[in-house]
């Protein structure tokens, strides 16, 4: 299987490290290939929107599978705009990385793939439009993976605590789901092997208040957690504050049932324990 990746970001790079041996050829896009020396085994193509290079179009036309992790912008999905012709000309397996943020605020109640999204923000409306566009492009053979808050090596509460940037923002009743990048990789591979498309929530088993994760990481490190800050009065950017506008417990039952995914890290505690043992945050 020949794989092309639109957007070699954190999750996509981890997927390649974990499952790259499953493919006969891997190519993908980055904004600046000169800054991606960690991707030596991948054929890299520069793409930052706009007109793509002919060689990039050729590689996509040859691909058996497409992994898409480029988010939509203010004017829509840049990858769909740039590669519409070649995508329409052939059939290939498509996995699109989206976000559970499309569900919006449910007051901490449980939601699943059958729950109607709440498009409160412009970015949510753009994301839902991109999901639908990739579903249409895949002619029913596109898997939409809605990811929870992503963490893993180099990107976790242990690291932010050590850097002095972690905060404990307290908003009563607020809960989030998370997902370790290992489990994202497993979900991508399962989706590529799955017959047919659909929407799948990729999240852990235990939605929890964000301050609990920081407190647990601090306990592992043997340090005092940062002081609590009330959400109502905390200094935050508009974007950061907007993430607290949604509170929901997201079910991953369909991911397990239909894609057969078994989470390596079902809770943040399992994962933080292992990350700490591996030397994260030291």
Protein backbone atom coordinates (compact mmCIF):
# COMPACT_ATOMS: atom_id res chain seq x y z
CA UNK A 1 0.00 0.00 0.00
CA UNK A 2 1.29 3.45 -0.98
CA UNK A 3 0.43 6.14 1.57
CA UNK A 4 0.31 9.89 1.11
CA UNK A 5 -0.02 12.12 4.18
CA UNK A 6 -1.41 15.64 3.90
CA UNK A 7 0.13 17.40 6.89
CA UNK A 8 3.03 15.65 8.63
CA UNK A 9 2.26 16.97 12.09
CA UNK A 10 2.72 15.45 15.53
CA UNK A 11 0.13 12.67 15.18
CA UNK A 12 0.99 11.77 11.58
CA UNK A 13 4.71 11.57 12.31
CA UNK A 14 4.04 9.31 15.28
CA UNK A 15 1.85 7.11 13.09
CA UNK A 16 4.69 6.70 10.61
CA UNK A 17 7.15 5.80 13.35
CA UNK A 18 4.74 3.17 14.67
CA UNK A 19 3.30 1.71 11.45
CA UNK A 20 5.52 2.94 8.61
CA UNK A 21 6.70 -0.58 7.87
CA UNK A 22 3.18 -1.51 6.75
CA UNK A 23 3.51 0.58 3.57
CA UNK A 24 5.57 0.13 0.42
CA UNK A 25 6.00 3.89 0.02
CA UNK A 26 5.20 6.93 2.17
CA UNK A 27 5.14 10.55 1.04
CA UNK A 28 3.66 13.61 2.66
CA UNK A 29 3.50 17.37 2.88
CA UNK A 30 5.18 19.81 5.23
CA UNK A 31 5.41 23.58 5.12
CA UNK A 32 9.21 23.55 5.05
CA UNK A 33 10.99 20.24 4.25
CA UNK A 34 14.32 21.70 5.40
CA UNK A 35 13.04 21.75 8.99
CA UNK A 36 11.92 18.10 9.04
CA UNK A 37 15.11 16.12 9.47
CA UNK A 38 13.19 13.73 11.74
CA UNK A 39 11.36 12.40 8.69
CA UNK A 40 14.30 11.03 6.73
CA UNK A 41 12.44 7.91 5.57
CA UNK A 42 9.52 9.87 4.09
CA UNK A 43 9.44 11.52 0.69
CA UNK A 44 8.56 15.09 1.59
CA UNK A 45 6.72 17.69 -0.47
CA UNK A 46 6.38 21.35 0.39
CA UNK A 47 2.79 22.54 0.69
CA UNK A 48 1.39 25.54 2.53
CA UNK A 49 -1.77 26.07 0.53
CA UNK A 50 -2.03 27.48 -2.96
CA UNK A 51 -1.04 25.74 -6.16
CA UNK A 52 0.75 22.44 -5.51
CA UNK A 53 3.79 21.14 -7.36
CA UNK A 54 3.16 18.71 -10.21
CA UNK A 55 5.21 16.03 -8.45
CA UNK A 56 2.97 16.30 -5.38
CA UNK A 57 -0.14 15.85 -7.50
CA UNK A 58 1.47 12.83 -9.17
CA UNK A 59 2.29 11.16 -5.86
CA UNK A 60 -1.28 11.63 -4.62
CA UNK A 61 -2.62 10.13 -7.84
CA UNK A 62 -0.45 7.04 -7.23
CA UNK A 63 -1.42 6.63 -3.57
CA UNK A 64 -3.65 3.81 -2.37
CA UNK A 65 -4.43 5.60 0.89
CA UNK A 66 -4.56 9.18 2.08
CA UNK A 67 -4.14 10.42 5.66
CA UNK A 68 -5.34 14.00 6.09
CA UNK A 69 -4.33 16.04 9.13
CA UNK A 70 -4.40 19.58 7.70
CA UNK A 71 -7.14 21.58 9.46
CA UNK A 72 -9.48 23.88 7.56
CA UNK A 73 -8.75 27.60 7.46
CA UNK A 74 -10.96 30.65 7.22
CA UNK A 75 -11.57 30.04 3.53
CA UNK A 76 -12.15 26.30 3.77
CA UNK A 77 -10.00 23.20 3.50
CA UNK A 78 -6.73 24.08 1.72
CA UNK A 79 -5.95 20.49 0.75
CA UNK A 80 -9.34 19.94 -0.87
CA UNK A 81 -9.00 23.21 -2.74
CA UNK A 82 -5.52 22.38 -4.01
CA UNK A 83 -6.01 18.73 -4.90
CA UNK A 84 -9.68 18.57 -5.91
CA UNK A 85 -8.99 17.40 -9.46
CA UNK A 86 -6.64 14.55 -8.61
CA UNK A 87 -8.84 13.44 -5.70
CA UNK A 88 -11.89 13.29 -7.99
CA UNK A 89 -9.99 11.33 -10.63
CA UNK A 90 -9.32 8.19 -8.62
CA UNK A 91 -10.49 6.12 -5.66
CA UNK A 92 -8.37 5.64 -2.55
CA UNK A 93 -8.84 4.96 1.14
CA UNK A 94 -9.13 8.24 3.09
CA UNK A 95 -8.66 8.84 6.81
CA UNK A 96 -9.41 12.39 7.95
CA UNK A 97 -8.32 13.61 11.39
CA UNK A 98 -10.99 15.83 12.92
CA UNK A 99 -11.85 16.77 16.52
CA UNK A 100 -14.42 15.92 19.18
CA UNK A 101 -14.75 19.70 19.54
CA UNK A 102 -17.51 19.54 16.93
CA UNK A 103 -19.92 18.20 19.59
CA UNK A 104 -19.92 21.48 21.49
CA UNK A 105 -21.22 21.88 25.01
CA UNK A 106 -23.40 19.15 26.54
CA UNK A 107 -22.96 20.11 30.16
CA UNK A 108 -20.79 17.10 30.92
CA UNK A 109 -23.31 14.59 29.52
CA UNK A 110 -22.23 11.60 27.43
CA UNK A 111 -22.18 11.96 23.64
CA UNK A 112 -21.41 9.55 20.81
CA UNK A 113 -21.22 9.58 17.02
CA UNK A 114 -24.99 9.82 16.78
CA UNK A 115 -25.09 13.06 18.78
CA UNK A 116 -25.75 16.06 16.50
CA UNK A 117 -22.78 18.46 16.49
CA UNK A 118 -23.23 21.98 17.86
CA UNK A 119 -21.51 24.42 15.53
CA UNK A 120 -21.19 27.41 17.86
CA UNK A 121 -17.84 28.70 16.60
CA UNK A 122 -16.73 29.48 13.05
CA UNK A 123 -13.92 26.94 13.38
CA UNK A 124 -16.49 24.27 14.27
CA UNK A 125 -18.60 25.06 11.22
CA UNK A 126 -15.50 24.93 9.03
CA UNK A 127 -14.48 21.61 10.55
CA UNK A 128 -17.89 20.06 9.98
CA UNK A 129 -17.89 21.31 6.39
CA UNK A 130 -14.46 19.71 5.90
CA UNK A 131 -15.66 16.42 7.37
CA UNK A 132 -18.55 16.35 4.92
CA UNK A 133 -16.35 17.32 1.98
CA UNK A 134 -13.86 14.54 2.68
CA UNK A 135 -16.73 12.08 3.16
CA UNK A 136 -18.09 13.07 -0.24
CA UNK A 137 -14.61 12.86 -1.79
CA UNK A 138 -14.20 9.35 -0.43
CA UNK A 139 -17.54 8.23 -1.89
CA UNK A 140 -18.47 6.49 1.33
CA UNK A 141 -14.98 5.08 1.92
CA UNK A 142 -13.62 7.88 4.11
CA UNK A 143 -13.10 7.40 7.84
CA UNK A 144 -13.55 10.54 9.93
CA UNK A 145 -11.61 10.23 13.18
CA UNK A 146 -12.71 12.77 15.77
CA UNK A 147 -9.74 13.14 18.11
CA UNK A 148 -9.81 14.20 21.75
CA UNK A 149 -7.08 16.36 23.32
CA UNK A 150 -3.79 14.97 22.00
CA UNK A 151 -0.84 14.20 24.26
CA UNK A 152 2.19 11.92 24.29
CA UNK A 153 5.99 12.09 24.33
CA UNK A 154 7.15 15.69 24.53
CA UNK A 155 3.59 16.97 24.81
CA UNK A 156 2.04 16.27 28.21
CA UNK A 157 1.42 17.64 31.69
CA UNK A 158 4.81 16.47 32.96
CA UNK A 159 6.55 18.59 30.35
CA UNK A 160 4.47 21.71 30.99
CA UNK A 161 4.96 21.38 34.74
CA UNK A 162 8.73 21.13 34.31
CA UNK A 163 8.67 24.13 31.98
CA UNK A 164 6.63 26.14 34.48
CA UNK A 165 3.77 26.73 32.03
CA UNK A 166 1.15 24.38 33.50
CA UNK A 167 -1.98 25.98 34.98
CA UNK A 168 -4.85 24.65 37.05
CA UNK A 169 -7.90 26.45 35.67
CA UNK A 170 -10.98 25.55 37.69
CA UNK A 171 -14.36 25.62 36.00
CA UNK A 172 -16.91 23.63 38.04
CA UNK A 173 -18.36 20.72 36.09
CA UNK A 174 -15.81 20.97 33.27
CA UNK A 175 -14.60 17.66 31.81
CA UNK A 176 -12.51 16.80 28.76
CA UNK A 177 -11.46 13.60 27.02
CA UNK A 178 -7.87 13.02 25.97
CA UNK A 179 -6.08 10.58 23.69
CA UNK A 180 -2.48 9.39 23.66
CA UNK A 181 -0.73 9.62 20.31
CA UNK A 182 -0.03 5.85 20.42
CA UNK A 183 -3.76 5.21 20.40
CA UNK A 184 -4.30 7.71 17.59
CA UNK A 185 -1.80 5.74 15.53
CA UNK A 186 -3.62 2.48 16.25
CA UNK A 187 -6.94 4.06 15.30
CA UNK A 188 -5.53 5.36 12.00
CA UNK A 189 -4.17 1.93 11.09
CA UNK A 190 -7.44 0.24 12.02
CA UNK A 191 -9.37 2.76 9.92
CA UNK A 192 -7.12 2.17 6.91
CA UNK A 193 -7.73 -1.57 7.17
CA UNK A 194 -11.47 -1.23 7.78
CA UNK A 195 -13.90 -1.78 4.93
CA UNK A 196 -16.12 1.27 4.55
CA UNK A 197 -16.15 4.70 6.07
CA UNK A 198 -17.89 6.45 8.93
CA UNK A 199 -17.29 8.68 11.92
CA UNK A 200 -15.35 7.39 14.94
CA UNK A 201 -14.53 9.08 18.24
CA UNK A 202 -10.90 8.54 19.18
CA UNK A 203 -10.70 9.27 22.90
CA UNK A 204 -9.84 7.68 26.22
CA UNK A 205 -12.11 5.86 28.66
CA UNK A 206 -12.13 8.52 31.35
CA UNK A 207 -13.13 12.12 30.70
CA UNK A 208 -11.84 14.20 33.59
CA UNK A 209 -11.43 17.79 34.79
CA UNK A 210 -8.23 19.30 33.35
CA UNK A 211 -6.92 20.29 36.80
CA UNK A 212 -6.94 16.64 37.88
CA UNK A 213 -4.41 15.76 35.18
CA UNK A 214 -2.05 18.52 36.30
CA UNK A 215 -2.39 17.49 39.94
CA UNK A 216 -1.65 13.84 39.14
CA UNK A 217 1.42 14.75 37.10
CA UNK A 218 2.69 16.97 39.92
CA UNK A 219 2.25 14.09 42.36
CA UNK A 220 4.36 11.82 40.13
CA UNK A 221 7.06 14.48 40.00
CA UNK A 222 6.96 15.06 43.74
CA UNK A 223 6.29 18.77 43.37
CA UNK A 224 3.49 21.08 44.41
CA UNK A 225 0.90 21.66 41.68
CA UNK A 226 0.38 25.21 40.42
CA UNK A 227 -2.20 27.22 42.32
CA UNK A 228 -5.85 26.94 41.39
CA UNK A 229 -7.23 29.75 39.21
CA UNK A 230 -10.93 30.43 38.85
CA UNK A 231 -11.96 30.25 35.20
CA UNK A 232 -14.14 33.34 35.51
CA UNK A 233 -11.21 35.59 36.44
CA UNK A 234 -8.21 33.78 34.91
CA UNK A 235 -6.23 35.66 32.30
CA UNK A 236 -6.52 33.63 29.09
CA UNK A 237 -6.54 34.24 25.36
CA UNK A 238 -9.89 34.19 23.60
CA UNK A 239 -8.93 30.95 21.87
CA UNK A 240 -7.90 29.25 25.12
CA UNK A 241 -11.07 30.42 26.85
CA UNK A 242 -13.22 29.10 24.00
CA UNK A 243 -12.05 25.53 24.65
CA UNK A 244 -13.69 25.71 28.08
CA UNK A 245 -17.01 26.57 26.43
CA UNK A 246 -17.59 22.87 25.74
CA UNK A 247 -17.99 20.17 28.36
CA UNK A 248 -18.91 16.62 27.37
CA UNK A 249 -18.07 13.01 28.08
CA UNK A 250 -17.31 11.38 24.74
CA UNK A 251 -17.88 7.68 24.17
CA UNK A 252 -15.33 5.53 22.30
CA UNK A 253 -17.56 2.43 22.15
CA UNK A 254 -17.88 2.52 18.35
CA UNK A 255 -14.08 2.76 17.94
CA UNK A 256 -13.67 -0.42 19.95
CA UNK A 257 -16.67 -2.24 18.50
CA UNK A 258 -16.31 -1.52 14.78
CA UNK A 259 -12.59 -0.85 14.35
CA UNK A 260 -11.46 -3.31 17.00
CA UNK A 261 -9.13 -0.83 18.69
CA UNK A 262 -7.84 -1.68 22.16
CA UNK A 263 -6.44 1.40 23.87
CA UNK A 264 -2.88 1.12 25.09
CA UNK A 265 -3.53 4.07 27.44
CA UNK A 266 -7.19 4.02 28.55
CA UNK A 267 -6.73 6.79 31.14
CA UNK A 268 -4.37 9.71 31.64
CA UNK A 269 -2.98 8.01 34.74
CA UNK A 270 -1.84 4.93 32.80
CA UNK A 271 -0.10 7.13 30.25
CA UNK A 272 1.47 9.63 32.66
CA UNK A 273 2.86 6.77 34.76
CA UNK A 274 4.61 5.36 31.67
CA UNK A 275 5.77 8.75 30.43
CA UNK A 276 7.28 9.52 33.82
CA UNK A 277 9.10 6.18 33.87
CA UNK A 278 10.41 6.98 30.37
CA UNK A 279 11.98 10.19 31.68
CA UNK A 280 9.41 12.78 30.61
CA UNK A 281 9.43 15.93 32.74
CA UNK A 282 12.75 15.22 34.42
